[in-house]
Amino acid sequence: MQDDSTKPDADITAAETPRAKKRRGFAAMDPTLVSEIARKGGKAAHAVGTAHEFTSAEAREAGRKGGKATHAKRKGPFAPKTEAAPAVAETETPNPENEVP
């Protein structure tokens, strides 16, 4: 009788075998080529008039949002929120209809 411990495991399918992920699309390209393609796309968008140009107010708002997001990540998920909601009073307001004579 043969020893089964030396045989390759036939129960493992091709989907279960670990493989290195291959880079695809722009990730697989040379960074200088990607930059050149992006540059041409930007020039084309400006030529057609569909490119977005930030005003100083829009840029300021985007920077503020980015800063808030970065600092929120540093604080962690259990950090207290800086923008607290107003506290609700726990005392009930007296209702004259419920008073006992």
PDB file of N, CA and C in Angstrom:
ATOM      1  N   MET A   1       0.845  -1.189   0.000  1.00  0.00           N
ATOM      2  CA  MET A   1       0.000   0.000   0.000  1.00  0.00           C
ATOM      3  C   MET A   1       0.882   1.242   0.000  1.00  0.00           C
ATOM      4  N   GLN A   2       0.462   2.308  -0.770  1.00  0.00           N
ATOM      5  CA  GLN A   2       1.254   3.521  -0.878  1.00  0.00           C
ATOM      6  C   GLN A   2       0.904   4.496   0.229  1.00  0.00           C
ATOM      7  N   ASP A   3       1.868   5.301   0.552  1.00  0.00           N
ATOM      8  CA  ASP A   3       1.666   6.332   1.559  1.00  0.00           C
ATOM      9  C   ASP A   3       1.059   7.564   0.880  1.00  0.00           C
ATOM     10  N   ASP A   4      -0.138   8.013   1.325  1.00  0.00           N
ATOM     11  CA  ASP A   4      -0.833   9.140   0.710  1.00  0.00           C
ATOM     12  C   ASP A   4      -0.225  10.488   1.097  1.00  0.00           C
ATOM     13  N   SER A   5       0.648  10.557   2.081  1.00  0.00           N
ATOM     14  CA  SER A   5       1.193  11.823   2.531  1.00  0.00           C
ATOM     15  C   SER A   5       2.165  12.430   1.526  1.00  0.00           C
ATOM     16  N   THR A   6       2.709  11.645   0.594  1.00  0.00           N
ATOM     17  CA  THR A   6       3.645  12.177  -0.388  1.00  0.00           C
ATOM     18  C   THR A   6       2.957  12.660  -1.647  1.00  0.00           C
ATOM     19  N   LYS A   7       1.695  12.339  -1.844  1.00  0.00           N
ATOM     20  CA  LYS A   7       0.956  12.767  -3.035  1.00  0.00           C
ATOM     21  C   LYS A   7       0.520  14.219  -2.890  1.00  0.00           C
ATOM     22  N   PRO A   8       0.473  14.951  -4.011  1.00  0.00           N
ATOM     23  CA  PRO A   8      -0.051  16.323  -3.926  1.00  0.00           C
ATOM     24  C   PRO A   8      -1.531  16.288  -3.568  1.00  0.00           C
ATOM     25  N   ASP A   9      -1.955  17.298  -2.875  1.00  0.00           N
ATOM     26  CA  ASP A   9      -3.340  17.364  -2.416  1.00  0.00           C
ATOM     27  C   ASP A   9      -4.247  17.653  -3.612  1.00  0.00           C
ATOM     28  N   ALA A  10      -5.069  16.718  -3.994  1.00  0.00           N
ATOM     29  CA  ALA A  10      -5.947  16.850  -5.154  1.00  0.00           C
ATOM     30  C   ALA A  10      -7.207  17.643  -4.828  1.00  0.00           C
ATOM     31  N   ASP A  11      -7.444  17.922  -3.541  1.00  0.00           N
ATOM     32  CA  ASP A  11      -8.652  18.641  -3.148  1.00  0.00           C
ATOM     33  C   ASP A  11      -8.536  20.151  -3.375  1.00  0.00           C
ATOM     34  N   ILE A  12      -7.335  20.652  -3.559  1.00  0.00           N
ATOM     35  CA  ILE A  12      -7.149  22.088  -3.746  1.00  0.00           C
ATOM     36  C   ILE A  12      -7.431  22.434  -5.205  1.00  0.00           C
ATOM     37  N   THR A  13      -8.342  23.379  -5.415  1.00  0.00           N
ATOM     38  CA  THR A  13      -8.684  23.797  -6.772  1.00  0.00           C
ATOM     39  C   THR A  13      -7.770  24.935  -7.205  1.00  0.00           C
ATOM     40  N   ALA A  14      -7.816  25.288  -8.474  1.00  0.00           N
ATOM     41  CA  ALA A  14      -6.982  26.359  -9.013  1.00  0.00           C
ATOM     42  C   ALA A  14      -7.342  27.712  -8.400  1.00  0.00           C
ATOM     43  N   ALA A  15      -8.602  27.900  -8.036  1.00  0.00           N
ATOM     44  CA  ALA A  15      -9.038  29.167  -7.461  1.00  0.00           C
ATOM     45  C   ALA A  15      -8.473  29.367  -6.061  1.00  0.00           C
ATOM     46  N   GLU A  16      -8.136  28.295  -5.380  1.00  0.00           N
ATOM     47  CA  GLU A  16      -7.651  28.398  -4.010  1.00  0.00           C
ATOM     48  C   GLU A  16      -6.145  28.588  -3.922  1.00  0.00           C
ATOM     49  N   THR A  17      -5.419  28.345  -5.002  1.00  0.00           N
ATOM     50  CA  THR A  17      -3.972  28.483  -4.955  1.00  0.00           C
ATOM     51  C   THR A  17      -3.601  29.956  -4.967  1.00  0.00           C
ATOM     52  N   PRO A  18      -2.695  30.378  -4.091  1.00  0.00           N
ATOM     53  CA  PRO A  18      -2.326  31.794  -4.042  1.00  0.00           C
ATOM     54  C   PRO A  18      -1.478  32.182  -5.247  1.00  0.00           C
ATOM     55  N   ARG A  19      -1.778  33.332  -5.822  1.00  0.00           N
ATOM     56  CA  ARG A  19      -1.035  33.857  -6.957  1.00  0.00           C
ATOM     57  C   ARG A  19      -0.649  35.296  -6.678  1.00  0.00           C
ATOM     58  N   ALA A  20       0.444  35.703  -7.249  1.00  0.00           N
ATOM     59  CA  ALA A  20       0.831  37.105  -7.157  1.00  0.00           C
ATOM     60  C   ALA A  20      -0.078  37.917  -8.070  1.00  0.00           C
ATOM     61  N   LYS A  21      -0.527  39.065  -7.592  1.00  0.00           N
ATOM     62  CA  LYS A  21      -1.399  39.902  -8.413  1.00  0.00           C
ATOM     63  C   LYS A  21      -0.561  40.616  -9.457  1.00  0.00           C
ATOM     64  N   LYS A  22      -1.060  40.616 -10.683  1.00  0.00           N
ATOM     65  CA  LYS A  22      -0.390  41.312 -11.764  1.00  0.00           C
ATOM     66  C   LYS A  22      -0.943  42.729 -11.855  1.00  0.00           C
ATOM     67  N   ARG A  23      -0.053  43.651 -12.093  1.00  0.00           N
ATOM     68  CA  ARG A  23      -0.485  45.041 -12.263  1.00  0.00           C
ATOM     69  C   ARG A  23      -1.109  45.181 -13.641  1.00  0.00           C
ATOM     70  N   ARG A  24      -2.197  45.938 -13.697  1.00  0.00           N
ATOM     71  CA  ARG A  24      -2.909  46.104 -14.964  1.00  0.00           C
ATOM     72  C   ARG A  24      -3.133  47.581 -15.231  1.00  0.00           C
ATOM     73  N   GLY A  25      -3.435  47.891 -16.475  1.00  0.00           N
ATOM     74  CA  GLY A  25      -3.781  49.258 -16.848  1.00  0.00           C
ATOM     75  C   GLY A  25      -2.646  50.234 -16.619  1.00  0.00           C
ATOM     76  N   PHE A  26      -2.972  51.416 -16.059  1.00  0.00           N
ATOM     77  CA  PHE A  26      -1.963  52.437 -15.828  1.00  0.00           C
ATOM     78  C   PHE A  26      -0.923  51.990 -14.803  1.00  0.00           C
ATOM     79  N   ALA A  27      -1.292  51.131 -13.884  1.00  0.00           N
ATOM     80  CA  ALA A  27      -0.344  50.666 -12.873  1.00  0.00           C
ATOM     81  C   ALA A  27       0.793  49.868 -13.489  1.00  0.00           C
ATOM     82  N   ALA A  28       0.539  49.209 -14.615  1.00  0.00           N
ATOM     83  CA  ALA A  28       1.560  48.402 -15.268  1.00  0.00           C
ATOM     84  C   ALA A  28       2.448  49.243 -16.183  1.00  0.00           C
ATOM     85  N   MET A  29       2.043  50.484 -16.466  1.00  0.00           N
ATOM     86  CA  MET A  29       2.790  51.331 -17.392  1.00  0.00           C
ATOM     87  C   MET A  29       3.952  52.031 -16.699  1.00  0.00           C
ATOM     88  N   ASP A  30       4.861  52.506 -17.526  1.00  0.00           N
ATOM     89  CA  ASP A  30       5.974  53.311 -17.045  1.00  0.00           C
ATOM     90  C   ASP A  30       5.404  54.633 -16.521  1.00  0.00           C
ATOM     91  N   PRO A  31       5.832  55.111 -15.347  1.00  0.00           N
ATOM     92  CA  PRO A  31       5.274  56.352 -14.790  1.00  0.00           C
ATOM     93  C   PRO A  31       5.418  57.566 -15.705  1.00  0.00           C
ATOM     94  N   THR A  32       6.492  57.632 -16.487  1.00  0.00           N
ATOM     95  CA  THR A  32       6.633  58.772 -17.397  1.00  0.00           C
ATOM     96  C   THR A  32       5.593  58.722 -18.522  1.00  0.00           C
ATOM     97  N   LEU A  33       5.256  57.519 -18.975  1.00  0.00           N
ATOM     98  CA  LEU A  33       4.230  57.369 -20.005  1.00  0.00           C
ATOM     99  C   LEU A  33       2.861  57.746 -19.454  1.00  0.00           C
ATOM    100  N   VAL A  34       2.576  57.354 -18.220  1.00  0.00           N
ATOM    101  CA  VAL A  34       1.303  57.704 -17.578  1.00  0.00           C
ATOM    102  C   VAL A  34       1.204  59.216 -17.437  1.00  0.00           C
ATOM    103  N   SER A  35       2.297  59.847 -17.038  1.00  0.00           N
ATOM    104  CA  SER A  35       2.315  61.293 -16.881  1.00  0.00           C
ATOM    105  C   SER A  35       2.079  61.991 -18.226  1.00  0.00           C
ATOM    106  N   GLU A  36       2.677  61.470 -19.269  1.00  0.00           N
ATOM    107  CA  GLU A  36       2.505  62.053 -20.604  1.00  0.00           C
ATOM    108  C   GLU A  36       1.048  61.941 -21.068  1.00  0.00           C
ATOM    109  N   ILE A  37       0.423  60.802 -20.817  1.00  0.00           N
ATOM    110  CA  ILE A  37      -0.979  60.609 -21.198  1.00  0.00           C
ATOM    111  C   ILE A  37      -1.875  61.571 -20.423  1.00  0.00           C
ATOM    112  N   ALA A  38      -1.614  61.720 -19.129  1.00  0.00           N
ATOM    113  CA  ALA A  38      -2.408  62.629 -18.300  1.00  0.00           C
ATOM    114  C   ALA A  38      -2.226  64.076 -18.756  1.00  0.00           C
ATOM    115  N   ARG A  39      -1.001  64.437 -19.116  1.00  0.00           N
ATOM    116  CA  ARG A  39      -0.731  65.797 -19.586  1.00  0.00           C
ATOM    117  C   ARG A  39      -1.515  66.092 -20.856  1.00  0.00           C
ATOM    118  N   LYS A  40      -1.514  65.139 -21.787  1.00  0.00           N
ATOM    119  CA  LYS A  40      -2.249  65.323 -23.039  1.00  0.00           C
ATOM    120  C   LYS A  40      -3.754  65.418 -22.784  1.00  0.00           C
ATOM    121  N   GLY A  41      -4.256  64.623 -21.851  1.00  0.00           N
ATOM    122  CA  GLY A  41      -5.679  64.682 -21.517  1.00  0.00           C
ATOM    123  C   GLY A  41      -6.068  66.016 -20.920  1.00  0.00           C
ATOM    124  N   GLY A  42      -5.211  66.552 -20.064  1.00  0.00           N
ATOM    125  CA  GLY A  42      -5.478  67.861 -19.470  1.00  0.00           C
ATOM    126  C   GLY A  42      -5.480  68.969 -20.505  1.00  0.00           C
ATOM    127  N   LYS A  43      -4.517  68.913 -21.405  1.00  0.00           N
ATOM    128  CA  LYS A  43      -4.457  69.935 -22.469  1.00  0.00           C
ATOM    129  C   LYS A  43      -5.697  69.853 -23.366  1.00  0.00           C
ATOM    130  N   ALA A  44      -6.118  68.633 -23.689  1.00  0.00           N
ATOM    131  CA  ALA A  44      -7.293  68.457 -24.542  1.00  0.00           C
ATOM    132  C   ALA A  44      -8.545  68.982 -23.849  1.00  0.00           C
ATOM    133  N   ALA A  45      -8.676  68.731 -22.552  1.00  0.00           N
ATOM    134  CA  ALA A  45      -9.853  69.190 -21.818  1.00  0.00           C
ATOM    135  C   ALA A  45      -9.903  70.710 -21.762  1.00  0.00           C
ATOM    136  N   HIS A  46      -8.748  71.344 -21.592  1.00  0.00           N
ATOM    137  CA  HIS A  46      -8.718  72.809 -21.575  1.00  0.00           C
ATOM    138  C   HIS A  46      -9.026  73.381 -22.956  1.00  0.00           C
ATOM    139  N   ALA A  47      -8.551  72.699 -24.000  1.00  0.00           N
ATOM    140  CA  ALA A  47      -8.799  73.175 -25.361  1.00  0.00           C
ATOM    141  C   ALA A  47     -10.285  73.129 -25.711  1.00  0.00           C
ATOM    142  N   VAL A  48     -10.968  72.095 -25.244  1.00  0.00           N
ATOM    143  CA  VAL A  48     -12.392  71.932 -25.529  1.00  0.00           C
ATOM    144  C   VAL A  48     -13.237  72.818 -24.609  1.00  0.00           C
ATOM    145  N   GLY A  49     -12.692  73.122 -23.418  1.00  0.00           N
ATOM    146  CA  GLY A  49     -13.425  73.956 -22.471  1.00  0.00           C
ATOM    147  C   GLY A  49     -14.162  73.159 -21.420  1.00  0.00           C
ATOM    148  N   THR A  50     -13.871  71.879 -21.304  1.00  0.00           N
ATOM    149  CA  THR A  50     -14.559  71.055 -20.307  1.00  0.00           C
ATOM    150  C   THR A  50     -13.741  70.869 -19.032  1.00  0.00           C
ATOM    151  N   ALA A  51     -12.531  71.418 -18.976  1.00  0.00           N
ATOM    152  CA  ALA A  51     -11.685  71.263 -17.790  1.00  0.00           C
ATOM    153  C   ALA A  51     -12.197  72.164 -16.679  1.00  0.00           C
ATOM    154  N   HIS A  52     -12.097  71.687 -15.451  1.00  0.00           N
ATOM    155  CA  HIS A  52     -12.525  72.480 -14.299  1.00  0.00           C
ATOM    156  C   HIS A  52     -11.339  73.253 -13.767  1.00  0.00           C
ATOM    157  N   GLU A  53     -11.517  74.534 -13.575  1.00  0.00           N
ATOM    158  CA  GLU A  53     -10.471  75.358 -12.967  1.00  0.00           C
ATOM    159  C   GLU A  53     -10.991  75.837 -11.631  1.00  0.00           C
ATOM    160  N   PHE A  54     -10.238  75.534 -10.577  1.00  0.00           N
ATOM    161  CA  PHE A  54     -10.649  75.905  -9.231  1.00  0.00           C
ATOM    162  C   PHE A  54     -10.513  77.412  -9.028  1.00  0.00           C
ATOM    163  N   THR A  55     -11.525  77.995  -8.389  1.00  0.00           N
ATOM    164  CA  THR A  55     -11.387  79.363  -7.915  1.00  0.00           C
ATOM    165  C   THR A  55     -10.648  79.292  -6.590  1.00  0.00           C
ATOM    166  N   SER A  56     -10.191  80.406  -6.085  1.00  0.00           N
ATOM    167  CA  SER A  56      -9.462  80.380  -4.813  1.00  0.00           C
ATOM    168  C   SER A  56     -10.372  79.917  -3.679  1.00  0.00           C
ATOM    169  N   ALA A  57     -11.658  80.239  -3.751  1.00  0.00           N
ATOM    170  CA  ALA A  57     -12.597  79.811  -2.709  1.00  0.00           C
ATOM    171  C   ALA A  57     -12.800  78.295  -2.746  1.00  0.00           C
ATOM    172  N   GLU A  58     -12.920  77.735  -3.956  1.00  0.00           N
ATOM    173  CA  GLU A  58     -13.075  76.281  -4.087  1.00  0.00           C
ATOM    174  C   GLU A  58     -11.825  75.555  -3.609  1.00  0.00           C
ATOM    175  N   ALA A  59     -10.664  76.075  -3.942  1.00  0.00           N
ATOM    176  CA  ALA A  59      -9.412  75.455  -3.515  1.00  0.00           C
ATOM    177  C   ALA A  59      -9.278  75.516  -1.997  1.00  0.00           C
ATOM    178  N   ARG A  60      -9.671  76.632  -1.392  1.00  0.00           N
ATOM    179  CA  ARG A  60      -9.616  76.782   0.062  1.00  0.00           C
ATOM    180  C   ARG A  60     -10.529  75.765   0.736  1.00  0.00           C
ATOM    181  N   GLU A  61     -11.737  75.608   0.211  1.00  0.00           N
ATOM    182  CA  GLU A  61     -12.698  74.649   0.774  1.00  0.00           C
ATOM    183  C   GLU A  61     -12.190  73.220   0.636  1.00  0.00           C
ATOM    184  N   ALA A  62     -11.616  72.890  -0.517  1.00  0.00           N
ATOM    185  CA  ALA A  62     -11.079  71.537  -0.718  1.00  0.00           C
ATOM    186  C   ALA A  62      -9.930  71.264   0.242  1.00  0.00           C
ATOM    187  N   GLY A  63      -9.078  72.227   0.446  1.00  0.00           N
ATOM    188  CA  GLY A  63      -7.974  72.067   1.396  1.00  0.00           C
ATOM    189  C   GLY A  63      -8.462  71.895   2.820  1.00  0.00           C
ATOM    190  N   ARG A  64      -9.504  72.639   3.179  1.00  0.00           N
ATOM    191  CA  ARG A  64     -10.069  72.520   4.528  1.00  0.00           C
ATOM    192  C   ARG A  64     -10.646  71.128   4.749  1.00  0.00           C
ATOM    193  N   LYS A  65     -11.384  70.634   3.748  1.00  0.00           N
ATOM    194  CA  LYS A  65     -11.971  69.301   3.872  1.00  0.00           C
ATOM    195  C   LYS A  65     -10.890  68.225   3.954  1.00  0.00           C
ATOM    196  N   GLY A  66      -9.847  68.377   3.158  1.00  0.00           N
ATOM    197  CA  GLY A  66      -8.761  67.408   3.194  1.00  0.00           C
ATOM    198  C   GLY A  66      -8.056  67.397   4.537  1.00  0.00           C
ATOM    199  N   GLY A  67      -7.859  68.566   5.094  1.00  0.00           N
ATOM    200  CA  GLY A  67      -7.227  68.658   6.411  1.00  0.00           C
ATOM    201  C   GLY A  67      -8.077  68.028   7.497  1.00  0.00           C
ATOM    202  N   LYS A  68      -9.381  68.244   7.424  1.00  0.00           N
ATOM    203  CA  LYS A  68     -10.278  67.637   8.417  1.00  0.00           C
ATOM    204  C   LYS A  68     -10.257  66.115   8.311  1.00  0.00           C
ATOM    205  N   ALA A  69     -10.254  65.602   7.075  1.00  0.00           N
ATOM    206  CA  ALA A  69     -10.253  64.157   6.876  1.00  0.00           C
ATOM    207  C   ALA A  69      -8.950  63.548   7.375  1.00  0.00           C
ATOM    208  N   THR A  70      -7.833  64.205   7.123  1.00  0.00           N
ATOM    209  CA  THR A  70      -6.535  63.691   7.560  1.00  0.00           C
ATOM    210  C   THR A  70      -6.466  63.642   9.071  1.00  0.00           C
ATOM    211  N   HIS A  71      -6.897  64.698   9.724  1.00  0.00           N
ATOM    212  CA  HIS A  71      -6.817  64.737  11.179  1.00  0.00           C
ATOM    213  C   HIS A  71      -7.830  63.804  11.824  1.00  0.00           C
ATOM    214  N   ALA A  72      -8.950  63.584  11.180  1.00  0.00           N
ATOM    215  CA  ALA A  72      -9.939  62.651  11.720  1.00  0.00           C
ATOM    216  C   ALA A  72      -9.377  61.231  11.721  1.00  0.00           C
ATOM    217  N   LYS A  73      -8.595  60.894  10.688  1.00  0.00           N
ATOM    218  CA  LYS A  73      -7.983  59.564  10.632  1.00  0.00           C
ATOM    219  C   LYS A  73      -6.965  59.385  11.735  1.00  0.00           C
ATOM    220  N   ARG A  74      -6.249  60.441  12.079  1.00  0.00           N
ATOM    221  CA  ARG A  74      -5.236  60.355  13.136  1.00  0.00           C
ATOM    222  C   ARG A  74      -5.860  60.131  14.499  1.00  0.00           C
ATOM    223  N   LYS A  75      -7.034  60.701  14.712  1.00  0.00           N
ATOM    224  CA  LYS A  75      -7.681  60.593  16.013  1.00  0.00           C
ATOM    225  C   LYS A  75      -8.215  59.197  16.285  1.00  0.00           C
ATOM    226  N   GLY A  76      -8.566  58.472  15.259  1.00  0.00           N
ATOM    227  CA  GLY A  76      -9.079  57.123  15.436  1.00  0.00           C
ATOM    228  C   GLY A  76     -10.584  57.108  15.527  1.00  0.00           C
ATOM    229  N   PRO A  77     -11.161  55.914  15.473  1.00  0.00           N
ATOM    230  CA  PRO A  77     -12.622  55.813  15.435  1.00  0.00           C
ATOM    231  C   PRO A  77     -13.295  56.115  16.775  1.00  0.00           C
ATOM    232  N   PHE A  78     -12.538  56.051  17.884  1.00  0.00           N
ATOM    233  CA  PHE A  78     -13.170  56.220  19.183  1.00  0.00           C
ATOM    234  C   PHE A  78     -12.885  57.579  19.807  1.00  0.00           C
ATOM    235  N   ALA A  79     -12.284  58.468  19.040  1.00  0.00           N
ATOM    236  CA  ALA A  79     -11.988  59.798  19.549  1.00  0.00           C
ATOM    237  C   ALA A  79     -13.268  60.608  19.656  1.00  0.00           C
ATOM    238  N   PRO A  80     -13.349  61.488  20.644  1.00  0.00           N
ATOM    239  CA  PRO A  80     -14.556  62.321  20.750  1.00  0.00           C
ATOM    240  C   PRO A  80     -14.641  63.280  19.585  1.00  0.00           C
ATOM    241  N   LYS A  81     -15.848  63.541  19.148  1.00  0.00           N
ATOM    242  CA  LYS A  81     -16.090  64.436  18.026  1.00  0.00           C
ATOM    243  C   LYS A  81     -15.884  65.876  18.486  1.00  0.00           C
ATOM    244  N   THR A  82     -15.270  66.695  17.635  1.00  0.00           N
ATOM    245  CA  THR A  82     -15.036  68.084  18.000  1.00  0.00           C
ATOM    246  C   THR A  82     -16.300  68.917  17.839  1.00  0.00           C
ATOM    247  N   GLU A  83     -17.138  68.556  16.900  1.00  0.00           N
ATOM    248  CA  GLU A  83     -18.387  69.268  16.681  1.00  0.00           C
ATOM    249  C   GLU A  83     -19.504  68.535  17.420  1.00  0.00           C
ATOM    250  N   ALA A  84     -19.654  68.832  18.704  1.00  0.00           N
ATOM    251  CA  ALA A  84     -20.641  68.140  19.521  1.00  0.00           C
ATOM    252  C   ALA A  84     -22.029  68.727  19.286  1.00  0.00           C
ATOM    253  N   ALA A  85     -23.015  67.870  19.349  1.00  0.00           N
ATOM    254  CA  ALA A  85     -24.402  68.304  19.225  1.00  0.00           C
ATOM    255  C   ALA A  85     -24.808  68.980  20.530  1.00  0.00           C
ATOM    256  N   PRO A  86     -25.733  69.924  20.481  1.00  0.00           N
ATOM    257  CA  PRO A  86     -26.159  70.587  21.714  1.00  0.00           C
ATOM    258  C   PRO A  86     -26.782  69.585  22.677  1.00  0.00           C
ATOM    259  N   ALA A  87     -26.465  69.764  23.943  1.00  0.00           N
ATOM    260  CA  ALA A  87     -26.971  68.856  24.967  1.00  0.00           C
ATOM    261  C   ALA A  87     -28.464  69.074  25.168  1.00  0.00           C
ATOM    262  N   VAL A  88     -29.184  67.999  25.406  1.00  0.00           N
ATOM    263  CA  VAL A  88     -30.618  68.068  25.637  1.00  0.00           C
ATOM    264  C   VAL A  88     -30.847  68.040  27.136  1.00  0.00           C
ATOM    265  N   ALA A  89     -31.672  68.944  27.634  1.00  0.00           N
ATOM    266  CA  ALA A  89     -31.968  68.984  29.061  1.00  0.00           C
ATOM    267  C   ALA A  89     -32.747  67.744  29.453  1.00  0.00           C
ATOM    268  N   GLU A  90     -32.355  67.150  30.596  1.00  0.00           N
ATOM    269  CA  GLU A  90     -33.002  65.916  31.036  1.00  0.00           C
ATOM    270  C   GLU A  90     -34.224  66.184  31.912  1.00  0.00           C
ATOM    271  N   THR A  91     -34.440  67.426  32.319  1.00  0.00           N
ATOM    272  CA  THR A  91     -35.600  67.731  33.148  1.00  0.00           C
ATOM    273  C   THR A  91     -36.809  67.952  32.259  1.00  0.00           C
ATOM    274  N   GLU A  92     -37.940  67.518  32.740  1.00  0.00           N
ATOM    275  CA  GLU A  92     -39.174  67.692  31.975  1.00  0.00           C
ATOM    276  C   GLU A  92     -39.758  69.065  32.274  1.00  0.00           C
ATOM    277  N   THR A  93     -40.393  69.627  31.282  1.00  0.00           N
ATOM    278  CA  THR A  93     -41.080  70.891  31.525  1.00  0.00           C
ATOM    279  C   THR A  93     -42.422  70.570  32.191  1.00  0.00           C
ATOM    280  N   PRO A  94     -42.810  71.337  33.160  1.00  0.00           N
ATOM    281  CA  PRO A  94     -44.073  71.052  33.860  1.00  0.00           C
ATOM    282  C   PRO A  94     -45.271  71.246  32.956  1.00  0.00           C
ATOM    283  N   ASN A  95     -46.210  70.311  33.037  1.00  0.00           N
ATOM    284  CA  ASN A  95     -47.434  70.386  32.272  1.00  0.00           C
ATOM    285  C   ASN A  95     -48.573  70.643  33.244  1.00  0.00           C
ATOM    286  N   PRO A  96     -49.235  71.796  33.143  1.00  0.00           N
ATOM    287  CA  PRO A  96     -50.293  72.135  34.110  1.00  0.00           C
ATOM    288  C   PRO A  96     -51.465  71.157  34.087  1.00  0.00           C
ATOM    289  N   GLU A  97     -51.674  70.458  32.978  1.00  0.00           N
ATOM    290  CA  GLU A  97     -52.792  69.523  32.911  1.00  0.00           C
ATOM    291  C   GLU A  97     -52.551  68.274  33.743  1.00  0.00           C
ATOM    292  N   ASN A  98     -51.300  67.936  34.000  1.00  0.00           N
ATOM    293  CA  ASN A  98     -50.988  66.716  34.761  1.00  0.00           C
ATOM    294  C   ASN A  98     -50.892  66.944  36.255  1.00  0.00           C
ATOM    295  N   GLU A  99     -51.093  68.163  36.701  1.00  0.00           N
ATOM    296  CA  GLU A  99     -50.980  68.450  38.141  1.00  0.00           C
ATOM    297  C   GLU A  99     -52.181  67.871  38.894  1.00  0.00           C
ATOM    298  N   VAL A 100     -51.892  67.384  40.070  1.00  0.00           N
ATOM    299  CA  VAL A 100     -52.947  66.826  40.923  1.00  0.00           C
ATOM    300  C   VAL A 100     -53.419  67.944  41.840  1.00  0.00           C
ATOM    301  N   PRO A 101     -54.745  68.192  41.934  1.00  0.00           N
ATOM    302  CA  PRO A 101     -55.246  69.302  42.787  1.00  0.00           C
ATOM    303  C   PRO A 101     -55.146  69.019  44.266  1.00  0.00           C
TER     304      PRO A 101
END
